[in-house]
N, C-alpha and C. Protein backbone atom coordinates (compact mmCIF):
# COMPACT_ATOMS: atom_id res chain seq x y z
N MET A 1 97.38 139.84 105.77
CA MET A 1 97.40 139.26 104.42
C MET A 1 97.11 137.76 104.51
N THR A 2 96.30 137.28 103.60
CA THR A 2 96.00 135.85 103.55
C THR A 2 97.02 135.14 102.65
N LEU A 3 97.05 133.81 102.76
CA LEU A 3 97.93 133.02 101.89
C LEU A 3 97.59 133.27 100.42
N LYS A 4 96.31 133.28 100.10
CA LYS A 4 95.88 133.48 98.72
C LYS A 4 96.34 134.85 98.21
N GLU A 5 96.22 135.87 99.02
CA GLU A 5 96.65 137.21 98.63
C GLU A 5 98.16 137.25 98.38
N TYR A 6 98.91 136.57 99.24
CA TYR A 6 100.36 136.56 99.08
C TYR A 6 100.76 135.85 97.78
N ILE A 7 100.18 134.68 97.55
CA ILE A 7 100.55 133.92 96.35
C ILE A 7 100.12 134.65 95.08
N GLU A 8 98.92 135.22 95.10
CA GLU A 8 98.44 135.93 93.91
C GLU A 8 99.24 137.20 93.66
N GLY A 9 99.75 137.81 94.71
CA GLY A 9 100.48 139.06 94.54
C GLY A 9 101.97 138.90 94.34
N SER A 10 102.56 137.84 94.93
CA SER A 10 104.02 137.72 94.93
C SER A 10 104.58 136.50 94.21
N ILE A 11 103.78 135.46 94.04
CA ILE A 11 104.28 134.23 93.43
C ILE A 11 103.79 134.05 92.00
N LEU A 12 102.50 134.09 91.79
CA LEU A 12 101.97 133.84 90.46
C LEU A 12 102.48 134.82 89.40
N PRO A 13 102.65 136.11 89.71
CA PRO A 13 103.14 137.03 88.68
C PRO A 13 104.51 136.65 88.12
N ARG A 14 105.29 135.89 88.85
CA ARG A 14 106.62 135.50 88.36
C ARG A 14 106.54 134.63 87.11
N TYR A 15 105.44 133.94 86.95
CA TYR A 15 105.29 133.05 85.79
C TYR A 15 105.06 133.81 84.48
N GLU A 16 104.75 135.09 84.56
CA GLU A 16 104.38 135.83 83.35
C GLU A 16 105.50 135.88 82.32
N GLY A 17 106.75 135.82 82.76
CA GLY A 17 107.86 135.88 81.82
C GLY A 17 108.40 134.53 81.40
N TYR A 18 107.74 133.46 81.83
CA TYR A 18 108.23 132.12 81.51
C TYR A 18 107.81 131.71 80.10
N ASP A 19 108.32 130.56 79.64
CA ASP A 19 107.94 130.09 78.31
C ASP A 19 106.44 129.80 78.28
N PRO A 20 105.82 129.83 77.08
CA PRO A 20 104.36 129.71 76.98
C PRO A 20 103.78 128.46 77.63
N ALA A 21 104.56 127.39 77.73
CA ALA A 21 104.04 126.15 78.32
C ALA A 21 104.02 126.19 79.84
N HIS A 22 104.60 127.23 80.44
CA HIS A 22 104.67 127.28 81.91
C HIS A 22 104.23 128.65 82.44
N ARG A 23 103.27 129.24 81.78
CA ARG A 23 102.77 130.53 82.24
C ARG A 23 101.52 130.36 83.10
N LEU A 24 100.86 131.46 83.38
CA LEU A 24 99.78 131.45 84.35
C LEU A 24 98.61 130.55 83.99
N ASP A 25 98.34 130.36 82.69
CA ASP A 25 97.21 129.50 82.34
C ASP A 25 97.47 128.07 82.80
N HIS A 26 98.72 127.61 82.64
CA HIS A 26 99.07 126.26 83.10
C HIS A 26 99.02 126.17 84.62
N ILE A 27 99.60 127.15 85.31
CA ILE A 27 99.64 127.10 86.77
C ILE A 27 98.21 127.17 87.33
N GLY A 28 97.38 128.02 86.74
CA GLY A 28 95.99 128.11 87.18
C GLY A 28 95.26 126.79 86.99
N ALA A 29 95.52 126.13 85.88
CA ALA A 29 94.88 124.84 85.63
C ALA A 29 95.33 123.80 86.64
N VAL A 30 96.61 123.79 86.98
CA VAL A 30 97.12 122.84 87.97
C VAL A 30 96.51 123.13 89.34
N ILE A 31 96.37 124.39 89.68
CA ILE A 31 95.73 124.76 90.95
C ILE A 31 94.29 124.24 91.00
N ARG A 32 93.56 124.44 89.91
CA ARG A 32 92.16 123.99 89.89
C ARG A 32 92.05 122.46 89.94
N ARG A 33 92.89 121.78 89.16
CA ARG A 33 92.83 120.31 89.16
C ARG A 33 93.28 119.74 90.51
N SER A 34 94.27 120.38 91.12
CA SER A 34 94.72 119.92 92.44
C SER A 34 93.59 120.02 93.46
N ALA A 35 92.87 121.14 93.43
CA ALA A 35 91.75 121.31 94.36
C ALA A 35 90.68 120.25 94.13
N GLY A 36 90.41 119.93 92.88
CA GLY A 36 89.42 118.90 92.58
C GLY A 36 89.86 117.53 93.06
N LEU A 37 91.11 117.18 92.84
CA LEU A 37 91.63 115.89 93.29
C LEU A 37 91.68 115.82 94.81
N ALA A 38 92.02 116.93 95.45
CA ALA A 38 92.16 116.95 96.91
C ALA A 38 90.85 116.65 97.62
N ALA A 39 89.73 116.91 96.96
CA ALA A 39 88.43 116.66 97.57
C ALA A 39 88.24 115.19 97.91
N GLY A 40 89.00 114.31 97.27
CA GLY A 40 88.87 112.89 97.54
C GLY A 40 89.82 112.37 98.60
N PHE A 41 90.58 113.28 99.24
CA PHE A 41 91.58 112.86 100.23
C PHE A 41 91.48 113.72 101.49
N ASP A 42 92.01 113.20 102.58
CA ASP A 42 92.05 113.94 103.84
C ASP A 42 93.34 114.76 103.86
N VAL A 43 93.30 115.94 103.26
CA VAL A 43 94.48 116.78 103.13
C VAL A 43 94.14 118.23 103.48
N ASP A 44 95.18 119.02 103.71
CA ASP A 44 95.03 120.44 104.00
C ASP A 44 94.91 121.20 102.68
N PRO A 45 93.78 121.83 102.39
CA PRO A 45 93.60 122.51 101.09
C PRO A 45 94.58 123.65 100.87
N ASP A 46 95.02 124.32 101.94
CA ASP A 46 95.99 125.40 101.79
C ASP A 46 97.34 124.85 101.33
N MET A 47 97.72 123.69 101.86
CA MET A 47 98.98 123.06 101.42
C MET A 47 98.88 122.65 99.96
N VAL A 48 97.75 122.09 99.58
CA VAL A 48 97.55 121.70 98.18
C VAL A 48 97.66 122.91 97.27
N TYR A 49 97.06 124.01 97.66
CA TYR A 49 97.09 125.25 96.87
C TYR A 49 98.52 125.77 96.73
N ALA A 50 99.26 125.82 97.84
CA ALA A 50 100.62 126.35 97.79
C ALA A 50 101.53 125.47 96.93
N ILE A 51 101.40 124.17 97.06
CA ILE A 51 102.22 123.25 96.26
C ILE A 51 101.98 123.50 94.77
N ALA A 52 100.72 123.58 94.38
CA ALA A 52 100.39 123.81 92.97
C ALA A 52 100.95 125.14 92.48
N ALA A 53 100.89 126.16 93.33
CA ALA A 53 101.36 127.49 92.94
C ALA A 53 102.87 127.54 92.76
N TYR A 54 103.61 126.76 93.53
CA TYR A 54 105.07 126.81 93.50
C TYR A 54 105.69 125.75 92.58
N HIS A 55 104.91 124.80 92.07
CA HIS A 55 105.51 123.58 91.52
C HIS A 55 106.44 123.82 90.33
N ASP A 56 106.21 124.87 89.53
CA ASP A 56 107.07 125.15 88.37
C ASP A 56 107.88 126.42 88.52
N LEU A 57 107.93 126.97 89.70
CA LEU A 57 108.57 128.27 89.90
C LEU A 57 110.05 128.24 89.49
N GLY A 58 110.70 127.10 89.64
CA GLY A 58 112.12 126.99 89.34
C GLY A 58 112.47 126.90 87.88
N ILE A 59 111.48 126.94 87.00
CA ILE A 59 111.74 126.93 85.55
C ILE A 59 112.70 128.05 85.16
N CYS A 60 112.68 129.13 85.92
CA CYS A 60 113.53 130.27 85.61
C CYS A 60 115.02 129.92 85.66
N GLU A 61 115.38 128.83 86.31
CA GLU A 61 116.78 128.41 86.40
C GLU A 61 117.06 127.16 85.57
N GLY A 62 116.10 126.78 84.71
CA GLY A 62 116.34 125.63 83.84
C GLY A 62 115.30 124.54 84.04
N ARG A 63 114.87 123.94 82.95
CA ARG A 63 113.81 122.94 82.98
C ARG A 63 114.25 121.63 83.64
N GLU A 64 115.47 121.21 83.38
CA GLU A 64 115.90 119.88 83.81
C GLU A 64 115.86 119.69 85.32
N THR A 65 116.20 120.72 86.06
CA THR A 65 116.20 120.61 87.53
C THR A 65 115.16 121.53 88.17
N HIS A 66 114.15 121.90 87.40
CA HIS A 66 113.20 122.90 87.91
C HIS A 66 112.45 122.41 89.14
N HIS A 67 112.21 121.10 89.24
CA HIS A 67 111.49 120.57 90.40
C HIS A 67 112.31 120.75 91.68
N LEU A 68 113.61 120.58 91.58
CA LEU A 68 114.48 120.78 92.74
C LEU A 68 114.61 122.26 93.07
N THR A 69 114.73 123.08 92.03
CA THR A 69 114.83 124.53 92.26
C THR A 69 113.54 125.08 92.86
N SER A 70 112.40 124.62 92.36
CA SER A 70 111.11 125.06 92.90
C SER A 70 110.99 124.70 94.37
N ALA A 71 111.41 123.49 94.72
CA ALA A 71 111.35 123.05 96.12
C ALA A 71 112.27 123.90 97.00
N ARG A 72 113.46 124.20 96.49
CA ARG A 72 114.38 125.05 97.24
C ARG A 72 113.79 126.43 97.48
N MET A 73 113.15 126.99 96.45
CA MET A 73 112.55 128.31 96.58
C MET A 73 111.42 128.30 97.61
N MET A 74 110.71 127.20 97.65
CA MET A 74 109.63 127.07 98.63
C MET A 74 110.20 126.99 100.05
N ARG A 75 111.25 126.21 100.23
CA ARG A 75 111.87 126.10 101.55
C ARG A 75 112.45 127.43 102.01
N GLU A 76 112.96 128.21 101.07
CA GLU A 76 113.63 129.47 101.42
C GLU A 76 112.66 130.65 101.57
N ASP A 77 111.39 130.45 101.24
CA ASP A 77 110.42 131.55 101.30
C ASP A 77 109.96 131.76 102.75
N ALA A 78 110.55 132.74 103.40
CA ALA A 78 110.24 132.99 104.82
C ALA A 78 108.78 133.36 105.03
N ALA A 79 108.15 133.96 104.03
CA ALA A 79 106.76 134.40 104.19
C ALA A 79 105.84 133.22 104.46
N LEU A 80 106.16 132.04 103.96
CA LEU A 80 105.28 130.88 104.17
C LEU A 80 105.18 130.48 105.63
N ARG A 81 106.14 130.90 106.44
CA ARG A 81 106.08 130.57 107.88
C ARG A 81 104.92 131.24 108.59
N GLN A 82 104.27 132.21 107.92
CA GLN A 82 103.07 132.83 108.50
C GLN A 82 101.90 131.85 108.56
N TRP A 83 101.90 130.88 107.65
CA TRP A 83 100.75 129.98 107.53
C TRP A 83 101.06 128.50 107.76
N PHE A 84 102.35 128.14 107.67
CA PHE A 84 102.70 126.73 107.75
C PHE A 84 103.85 126.49 108.73
N SER A 85 103.85 125.29 109.32
CA SER A 85 104.95 124.88 110.18
C SER A 85 106.12 124.41 109.32
N GLU A 86 107.28 124.19 109.95
CA GLU A 86 108.44 123.70 109.22
C GLU A 86 108.16 122.31 108.63
N ASP A 87 107.47 121.48 109.36
CA ASP A 87 107.15 120.14 108.86
C ASP A 87 106.23 120.22 107.65
N GLN A 88 105.25 121.12 107.70
CA GLN A 88 104.35 121.29 106.56
C GLN A 88 105.11 121.79 105.33
N ILE A 89 106.01 122.74 105.53
CA ILE A 89 106.78 123.28 104.41
C ILE A 89 107.66 122.19 103.80
N GLU A 90 108.24 121.35 104.64
CA GLU A 90 109.06 120.26 104.11
C GLU A 90 108.21 119.27 103.33
N THR A 91 107.03 118.96 103.82
CA THR A 91 106.12 118.06 103.08
C THR A 91 105.76 118.67 101.73
N MET A 92 105.48 119.97 101.71
CA MET A 92 105.13 120.65 100.46
C MET A 92 106.31 120.67 99.50
N ALA A 93 107.50 120.95 100.02
CA ALA A 93 108.69 121.00 99.16
C ALA A 93 108.97 119.62 98.56
N GLN A 94 108.79 118.59 99.34
CA GLN A 94 108.98 117.23 98.82
C GLN A 94 107.96 116.92 97.73
N ALA A 95 106.74 117.38 97.91
CA ALA A 95 105.71 117.17 96.88
C ALA A 95 106.10 117.87 95.58
N VAL A 96 106.63 119.08 95.70
CA VAL A 96 107.09 119.81 94.53
C VAL A 96 108.23 119.04 93.85
N GLU A 97 109.16 118.52 94.63
CA GLU A 97 110.26 117.73 94.07
C GLU A 97 109.74 116.50 93.33
N ASP A 98 108.68 115.91 93.85
CA ASP A 98 108.18 114.63 93.33
C ASP A 98 107.22 114.78 92.16
N HIS A 99 106.88 116.00 91.76
CA HIS A 99 105.81 116.16 90.77
C HIS A 99 106.24 115.85 89.35
N ARG A 100 107.52 115.83 89.08
CA ARG A 100 107.99 115.75 87.69
C ARG A 100 107.58 114.44 87.03
N ALA A 101 107.13 114.53 85.79
CA ALA A 101 106.62 113.36 85.07
C ALA A 101 107.67 112.29 84.86
N SER A 102 108.94 112.68 84.79
CA SER A 102 110.00 111.71 84.55
C SER A 102 110.53 111.07 85.84
N ALA A 103 109.92 111.40 86.97
CA ALA A 103 110.37 110.83 88.24
C ALA A 103 110.25 109.31 88.19
N LYS A 104 111.28 108.62 88.70
CA LYS A 104 111.31 107.17 88.63
C LYS A 104 110.52 106.51 89.77
N SER A 105 110.40 107.20 90.89
CA SER A 105 109.74 106.62 92.05
C SER A 105 108.44 107.34 92.37
N GLU A 106 107.60 106.68 93.13
CA GLU A 106 106.30 107.23 93.50
C GLU A 106 106.48 108.41 94.45
N PRO A 107 105.65 109.44 94.33
CA PRO A 107 105.72 110.56 95.27
C PRO A 107 105.65 110.09 96.72
N ARG A 108 106.33 110.82 97.59
CA ARG A 108 106.46 110.40 98.98
C ARG A 108 105.22 110.63 99.82
N SER A 109 104.29 111.40 99.34
CA SER A 109 103.07 111.67 100.11
C SER A 109 101.89 111.83 99.18
N VAL A 110 100.71 111.88 99.78
CA VAL A 110 99.50 112.10 98.99
C VAL A 110 99.56 113.47 98.32
N TYR A 111 100.22 114.43 98.96
CA TYR A 111 100.35 115.76 98.36
C TYR A 111 101.14 115.70 97.06
N GLY A 112 102.19 114.89 97.04
CA GLY A 112 102.96 114.72 95.83
C GLY A 112 102.17 114.03 94.74
N ARG A 113 101.35 113.05 95.11
CA ARG A 113 100.53 112.36 94.13
C ARG A 113 99.49 113.31 93.53
N ILE A 114 98.94 114.17 94.35
CA ILE A 114 97.92 115.11 93.87
C ILE A 114 98.51 116.08 92.86
N VAL A 115 99.64 116.73 93.19
CA VAL A 115 100.19 117.73 92.27
C VAL A 115 100.77 117.06 91.02
N ALA A 116 101.35 115.87 91.18
CA ALA A 116 101.87 115.17 90.01
C ALA A 116 100.74 114.83 89.05
N GLU A 117 99.63 114.40 89.60
CA GLU A 117 98.48 114.06 88.76
C GLU A 117 97.87 115.30 88.13
N ALA A 118 97.77 116.37 88.93
CA ALA A 118 97.19 117.62 88.42
C ALA A 118 98.05 118.24 87.33
N ASP A 119 99.35 118.00 87.39
CA ASP A 119 100.27 118.56 86.40
C ASP A 119 100.21 117.82 85.07
N ARG A 120 99.65 116.62 85.07
CA ARG A 120 99.55 115.82 83.86
C ARG A 120 98.24 116.13 83.15
N GLU A 121 98.27 117.12 82.31
CA GLU A 121 97.06 117.54 81.58
C GLU A 121 96.92 116.65 80.35
N ILE A 122 96.19 115.55 80.53
CA ILE A 122 96.08 114.56 79.46
C ILE A 122 94.93 114.95 78.53
N ASP A 123 95.23 115.88 77.68
CA ASP A 123 94.28 116.35 76.67
C ASP A 123 95.07 116.49 75.38
N ALA A 124 94.65 115.82 74.33
CA ALA A 124 95.44 115.74 73.11
C ALA A 124 95.84 117.12 72.58
N ASP A 125 94.89 118.02 72.42
CA ASP A 125 95.20 119.34 71.87
C ASP A 125 96.16 120.11 72.77
N THR A 126 95.94 120.01 74.09
CA THR A 126 96.79 120.75 75.03
C THR A 126 98.22 120.20 75.00
N ILE A 127 98.36 118.89 74.99
CA ILE A 127 99.69 118.26 74.94
C ILE A 127 100.43 118.69 73.68
N VAL A 128 99.76 118.59 72.55
CA VAL A 128 100.40 118.92 71.28
C VAL A 128 100.77 120.40 71.24
N ARG A 129 99.82 121.26 71.61
CA ARG A 129 100.08 122.70 71.57
C ARG A 129 101.24 123.09 72.48
N ARG A 130 101.23 122.60 73.72
CA ARG A 130 102.28 123.00 74.67
C ARG A 130 103.64 122.45 74.26
N THR A 131 103.67 121.26 73.67
CA THR A 131 104.94 120.69 73.22
C THR A 131 105.53 121.53 72.09
N ILE A 132 104.68 121.96 71.16
CA ILE A 132 105.15 122.80 70.06
C ILE A 132 105.55 124.18 70.56
N GLU A 133 104.77 124.74 71.47
CA GLU A 133 105.10 126.05 72.04
C GLU A 133 106.47 126.00 72.71
N TYR A 134 106.73 124.93 73.44
CA TYR A 134 108.01 124.82 74.11
C TYR A 134 109.15 124.75 73.07
N GLY A 135 108.94 123.98 72.02
CA GLY A 135 109.95 123.89 70.97
C GLY A 135 110.21 125.22 70.30
N LEU A 136 109.15 125.95 69.97
CA LEU A 136 109.30 127.26 69.32
C LEU A 136 110.00 128.25 70.23
N GLY A 137 109.68 128.18 71.53
CA GLY A 137 110.25 129.13 72.47
C GLY A 137 111.70 128.84 72.83
N ASN A 138 112.07 127.56 72.85
CA ASN A 138 113.40 127.19 73.33
C ASN A 138 114.37 126.74 72.23
N TYR A 139 113.83 126.44 71.06
CA TYR A 139 114.69 126.02 69.95
C TYR A 139 114.31 126.80 68.68
N PRO A 140 114.42 128.12 68.74
CA PRO A 140 113.99 128.94 67.59
C PRO A 140 114.83 128.70 66.35
N GLN A 141 115.99 128.10 66.50
CA GLN A 141 116.86 127.84 65.35
C GLN A 141 116.38 126.65 64.52
N TYR A 142 115.46 125.84 65.04
CA TYR A 142 114.98 124.68 64.31
C TYR A 142 114.00 125.09 63.22
N ASP A 143 114.12 124.47 62.04
CA ASP A 143 113.11 124.68 61.00
C ASP A 143 111.92 123.76 61.29
N ARG A 144 110.95 123.77 60.40
CA ARG A 144 109.73 122.99 60.63
C ARG A 144 110.04 121.51 60.88
N GLN A 145 110.91 120.93 60.05
CA GLN A 145 111.24 119.52 60.22
C GLN A 145 111.94 119.27 61.55
N GLY A 146 112.81 120.18 61.92
CA GLY A 146 113.50 120.05 63.20
C GLY A 146 112.53 120.12 64.37
N GLN A 147 111.56 121.03 64.27
CA GLN A 147 110.55 121.13 65.32
C GLN A 147 109.71 119.85 65.39
N PHE A 148 109.37 119.30 64.24
CA PHE A 148 108.59 118.06 64.24
C PHE A 148 109.38 116.90 64.84
N ASP A 149 110.64 116.80 64.48
CA ASP A 149 111.46 115.72 65.01
C ASP A 149 111.54 115.80 66.54
N ARG A 150 111.74 117.01 67.06
CA ARG A 150 111.80 117.19 68.52
C ARG A 150 110.45 116.86 69.16
N PHE A 151 109.39 117.34 68.52
CA PHE A 151 108.02 117.09 68.98
C PHE A 151 107.73 115.58 69.05
N LYS A 152 108.04 114.88 67.97
CA LYS A 152 107.76 113.45 67.90
C LYS A 152 108.56 112.68 68.95
N GLU A 153 109.82 113.05 69.11
CA GLU A 153 110.65 112.38 70.11
C GLU A 153 110.09 112.56 71.51
N HIS A 154 109.67 113.79 71.83
CA HIS A 154 109.13 114.06 73.16
C HIS A 154 107.83 113.31 73.38
N ILE A 155 106.91 113.38 72.45
CA ILE A 155 105.61 112.72 72.60
C ILE A 155 105.81 111.21 72.76
N THR A 156 106.69 110.64 71.96
CA THR A 156 106.92 109.20 72.03
C THR A 156 107.55 108.79 73.35
N GLU A 157 108.58 109.53 73.77
CA GLU A 157 109.28 109.18 75.00
C GLU A 157 108.38 109.32 76.24
N LYS A 158 107.48 110.29 76.19
CA LYS A 158 106.68 110.57 77.38
C LYS A 158 105.33 109.84 77.38
N TYR A 159 104.61 109.86 76.27
CA TYR A 159 103.22 109.42 76.28
C TYR A 159 102.94 108.07 75.63
N ALA A 160 103.81 107.59 74.76
CA ALA A 160 103.55 106.31 74.09
C ALA A 160 103.61 105.17 75.10
N ARG A 161 103.12 104.01 74.73
CA ARG A 161 103.19 102.86 75.63
C ARG A 161 104.65 102.59 75.98
N GLY A 162 104.91 102.45 77.25
CA GLY A 162 106.28 102.31 77.71
C GLY A 162 106.96 103.63 77.98
N GLY A 163 106.26 104.75 77.72
CA GLY A 163 106.81 106.08 77.98
C GLY A 163 106.97 106.33 79.46
N TYR A 164 107.67 107.43 79.77
CA TYR A 164 108.04 107.64 81.17
C TYR A 164 106.95 108.26 82.04
N ILE A 165 105.85 108.74 81.45
CA ILE A 165 104.82 109.35 82.27
C ILE A 165 104.19 108.28 83.18
N LYS A 166 103.94 108.67 84.43
CA LYS A 166 103.33 107.77 85.40
C LYS A 166 102.01 108.36 85.87
N ILE A 167 101.04 107.50 86.08
CA ILE A 167 99.75 107.91 86.63
C ILE A 167 99.68 107.40 88.06
N TRP A 168 99.64 108.31 89.02
CA TRP A 168 99.69 107.92 90.43
C TRP A 168 98.32 107.75 91.05
N ILE A 169 97.26 108.19 90.37
CA ILE A 169 95.89 107.98 90.86
C ILE A 169 95.16 107.23 89.76
N PRO A 170 95.33 105.90 89.69
CA PRO A 170 94.84 105.12 88.55
C PRO A 170 93.34 105.13 88.36
N GLU A 171 92.62 105.43 89.42
CA GLU A 171 91.16 105.48 89.30
C GLU A 171 90.67 106.82 88.76
N GLY A 172 91.59 107.74 88.51
CA GLY A 172 91.20 109.07 88.05
C GLY A 172 91.01 109.17 86.55
N GLU A 173 90.61 110.36 86.14
CA GLU A 173 90.31 110.61 84.73
C GLU A 173 91.56 110.54 83.85
N ASN A 174 92.73 110.87 84.42
CA ASN A 174 93.95 110.88 83.61
C ASN A 174 94.28 109.53 83.01
N ALA A 175 94.03 108.45 83.74
CA ALA A 175 94.33 107.11 83.22
C ALA A 175 93.51 106.83 81.97
N ARG A 176 92.25 107.20 82.00
CA ARG A 176 91.38 107.00 80.83
C ARG A 176 91.80 107.90 79.67
N ARG A 177 92.15 109.13 79.98
CA ARG A 177 92.56 110.06 78.93
C ARG A 177 93.89 109.64 78.29
N LEU A 178 94.81 109.11 79.09
CA LEU A 178 96.09 108.68 78.56
C LEU A 178 95.91 107.51 77.59
N GLU A 179 95.06 106.57 77.95
CA GLU A 179 94.81 105.43 77.06
C GLU A 179 94.21 105.90 75.74
N ALA A 180 93.29 106.86 75.80
CA ALA A 180 92.67 107.39 74.58
C ALA A 180 93.71 108.11 73.72
N PHE A 181 94.60 108.88 74.35
CA PHE A 181 95.64 109.59 73.60
C PHE A 181 96.61 108.60 72.96
N ARG A 182 96.95 107.55 73.68
CA ARG A 182 97.85 106.55 73.10
C ARG A 182 97.22 105.89 71.88
N ARG A 183 95.95 105.57 71.96
CA ARG A 183 95.29 104.97 70.80
C ARG A 183 95.29 105.93 69.62
N GLU A 184 95.15 107.21 69.91
CA GLU A 184 95.10 108.22 68.85
C GLU A 184 96.45 108.33 68.15
N ILE A 185 97.54 108.42 68.91
CA ILE A 185 98.85 108.64 68.28
C ILE A 185 99.39 107.36 67.65
N GLU A 186 98.75 106.24 67.92
CA GLU A 186 99.16 104.99 67.27
C GLU A 186 98.59 104.86 65.86
N LYS A 187 97.65 105.72 65.52
CA LYS A 187 97.09 105.68 64.17
C LYS A 187 98.12 106.22 63.17
N PRO A 188 98.32 105.54 62.05
CA PRO A 188 99.31 105.99 61.05
C PRO A 188 99.06 107.43 60.60
N GLY A 189 100.08 108.26 60.69
CA GLY A 189 100.00 109.63 60.21
C GLY A 189 99.31 110.61 61.14
N ARG A 190 98.74 110.11 62.24
CA ARG A 190 97.95 111.00 63.11
C ARG A 190 98.83 112.01 63.83
N LEU A 191 100.02 111.61 64.26
CA LEU A 191 100.91 112.53 64.95
C LEU A 191 101.32 113.67 64.03
N GLU A 192 101.57 113.36 62.78
CA GLU A 192 101.93 114.39 61.80
C GLU A 192 100.77 115.36 61.59
N GLU A 193 99.55 114.84 61.53
CA GLU A 193 98.37 115.71 61.37
C GLU A 193 98.22 116.66 62.55
N MET A 194 98.39 116.13 63.75
CA MET A 194 98.27 116.98 64.95
C MET A 194 99.33 118.08 64.93
N PHE A 195 100.56 117.69 64.60
CA PHE A 195 101.65 118.67 64.57
C PHE A 195 101.36 119.75 63.53
N ASP A 196 100.99 119.35 62.32
CA ASP A 196 100.77 120.31 61.25
C ASP A 196 99.70 121.33 61.62
N TYR A 197 98.61 120.84 62.22
CA TYR A 197 97.51 121.74 62.58
C TYR A 197 98.00 122.80 63.58
N TRP A 198 98.65 122.37 64.67
CA TRP A 198 99.02 123.31 65.72
C TRP A 198 100.26 124.13 65.35
N TYR A 199 101.17 123.56 64.59
CA TYR A 199 102.35 124.32 64.18
C TYR A 199 101.91 125.50 63.31
N ASP A 200 101.03 125.23 62.35
CA ASP A 200 100.54 126.30 61.48
C ASP A 200 99.76 127.34 62.28
N LYS A 201 98.96 126.88 63.21
CA LYS A 201 98.15 127.79 64.02
C LYS A 201 99.03 128.70 64.88
N LEU A 202 100.10 128.13 65.44
CA LEU A 202 100.96 128.89 66.33
C LEU A 202 101.94 129.81 65.60
N THR A 203 102.30 129.46 64.38
CA THR A 203 103.30 130.25 63.65
C THR A 203 102.68 131.25 62.69
N GLN A 204 101.36 131.23 62.53
CA GLN A 204 100.70 132.17 61.62
C GLN A 204 99.91 133.23 62.34
N LYS A 205 100.23 133.44 63.63
CA LYS A 205 99.53 134.48 64.39
C LYS A 205 99.91 135.87 63.88
C-alpha cells in the first residue's frame, strides 16, 4: 500500500461527517494549495501531503483545540511509520499544531508555514460561505440576526486590519488577496450584502 492509498482510504473519509466548513472539499483544496506552495521550497512532498491531509482531523473533538488533537492523532498513527521516521512524524505533527490562523507565533518549520498558508483560503465568497455554514451547523438556535452578528464578529476579528490572521509567505498570492478582501469589507454595507446573499443561498436549498 502506498501513502496516498492509505490516506485516501483511511484518513480522508473521516472528514465526511464533519461540519460543512471542514469536509473533503476544504481538505482537498488545502492538499492542492500545499503542493503548489511546496514547489517553491526544498521539502519532502510526501510530508507536505500528509500534513495537509491530517491538519483538521481533530475537529471531531472540538474546534478550539483541533490543531493539538490533529497533531496527537498524527503522532499516534502507527501506520505512518511505514513511510516516515520518528523525526519526520514529529516535524509533521508540529506543522499541524502550528497551522491554526489564531496562532500567536510563527510556525516552527517551512512545513508549518506551507500548511498554514494553504489553509488560509483568501477568497471573499469562500470565506463568507464557510463562515455562514459553520454558524448554521454549530449554532442552529440563532435566528438570522444572531447568525449575522456571529458572522460579523468572526470576519472582523480574523480578517479586518489588525485581525489575528497571519500571512507567513508574504510574497504569495494570499497577501494580495487579503488586502483586496479588507478593502472590500471596509466599504459601507458591503459585509451585510455578502451575508445576505450567501445566507439566503444556503438556507433556501
